[in-house]
Protein backbone atom coordinates (compact mmCIF):
# COMPACT_ATOMS: atom_id res chain seq x y z
CA MET A 1 -3.35 94.84 79.69
CA ARG A 2 -7.13 94.83 79.61
CA ARG A 3 -7.19 96.14 76.04
CA LEU A 4 -4.78 93.40 74.96
CA LYS A 5 -7.06 90.70 76.37
CA LEU A 6 -10.08 92.31 74.70
CA PHE A 7 -8.24 92.49 71.36
CA ALA A 8 -7.17 88.83 71.66
CA ALA A 9 -10.73 87.74 72.53
CA LEU A 10 -12.17 89.63 69.55
CA ALA A 11 -9.55 88.16 67.22
CA LEU A 12 -10.34 84.61 68.39
CA ALA A 13 -14.09 85.21 68.04
CA GLY A 14 -13.59 86.50 64.50
CA ALA A 15 -11.49 83.46 63.59
CA ALA A 16 -14.13 81.11 64.99
CA VAL A 17 -16.88 82.75 62.92
CA GLY A 18 -14.73 82.56 59.77
CA ALA A 19 -14.09 78.86 60.32
CA CYS A 20 -17.80 78.05 60.01
CA ALA A 21 -18.28 79.22 56.44
CA PRO A 22 -21.63 78.52 54.73
CA HIS A 23 -19.85 76.80 51.81
CA PRO A 24 -16.86 74.86 53.18
CA ILE A 25 -14.01 73.97 50.87
CA VAL A 26 -13.99 70.25 50.07
CA ALA A 27 -10.80 68.66 48.73
CA ARG A 28 -11.35 66.59 45.60
CA ASP A 29 -9.07 64.25 43.68
CA PRO A 30 -7.63 66.15 40.69
CA VAL A 31 -7.31 62.94 38.66
CA PRO A 32 -10.71 61.64 37.52
CA ALA A 33 -11.58 57.98 37.89
CA PRO A 34 -11.07 55.82 34.79
CA SER A 35 -14.06 54.90 32.69
CA PRO A 36 -15.59 51.40 33.01
CA ASP A 37 -14.21 50.51 29.57
CA GLU A 38 -10.59 50.89 30.70
CA ALA A 39 -8.67 48.07 32.36
CA TYR A 40 -5.04 47.41 33.24
CA ASP A 41 -2.90 44.26 33.20
CA CYS A 42 -0.35 44.62 35.99
CA SER A 43 2.56 42.42 36.99
CA THR A 44 4.96 42.71 39.92
CA ALA A 45 8.49 41.39 40.36
CA PRO A 46 10.38 41.41 43.68
CA LEU A 47 13.71 43.24 43.89
CA VAL A 48 16.36 43.57 46.58
CA LEU A 49 15.46 44.91 50.08
CA ASN A 50 11.67 44.53 49.96
CA ALA A 51 11.30 46.57 46.78
CA TYR A 52 9.01 45.66 43.92
CA ARG A 53 8.92 46.54 40.26
CA VAL A 54 5.42 47.05 38.90
CA GLY A 55 4.51 47.08 35.24
CA CYS A 56 0.98 48.01 34.14
CA GLU A 57 -0.29 48.04 30.58
CA PRO A 58 -3.62 49.60 29.68
CA ARG A 59 -6.08 47.54 27.67
CA LEU A 60 -9.66 47.99 26.56
CA ARG A 61 -12.28 45.90 28.29
CA GLU A 62 -14.75 43.99 26.16
CA GLN A 63 -18.31 45.24 26.09
CA ARG A 64 -20.60 43.40 28.46
CA PRO A 65 -23.58 41.71 26.85
CA VAL A 66 -26.95 43.07 27.86
CA LEU A 67 -29.66 40.49 28.40
CA HIS A 68 -33.27 41.53 27.97
CA SER A 69 -36.18 39.41 29.11
CA LYS A 70 -39.88 39.77 28.66
CA GLY A 71 -41.92 39.15 31.72
């Protein structure tokens, strides 16, 4: 019985050391964010039983003017 407790304690200690890795795994979104030039026109329409139909169409955003001033 004593060996079983020792084995269980060593297994738990090993698991605790492995949980504190020097380079932890960080979950990232596999889909990259859209660029600032992309935009979407979306519309929604209600349906039966609290459901909605969504329609989105991609469109290109106009370039923003850049204002320069001398000071």
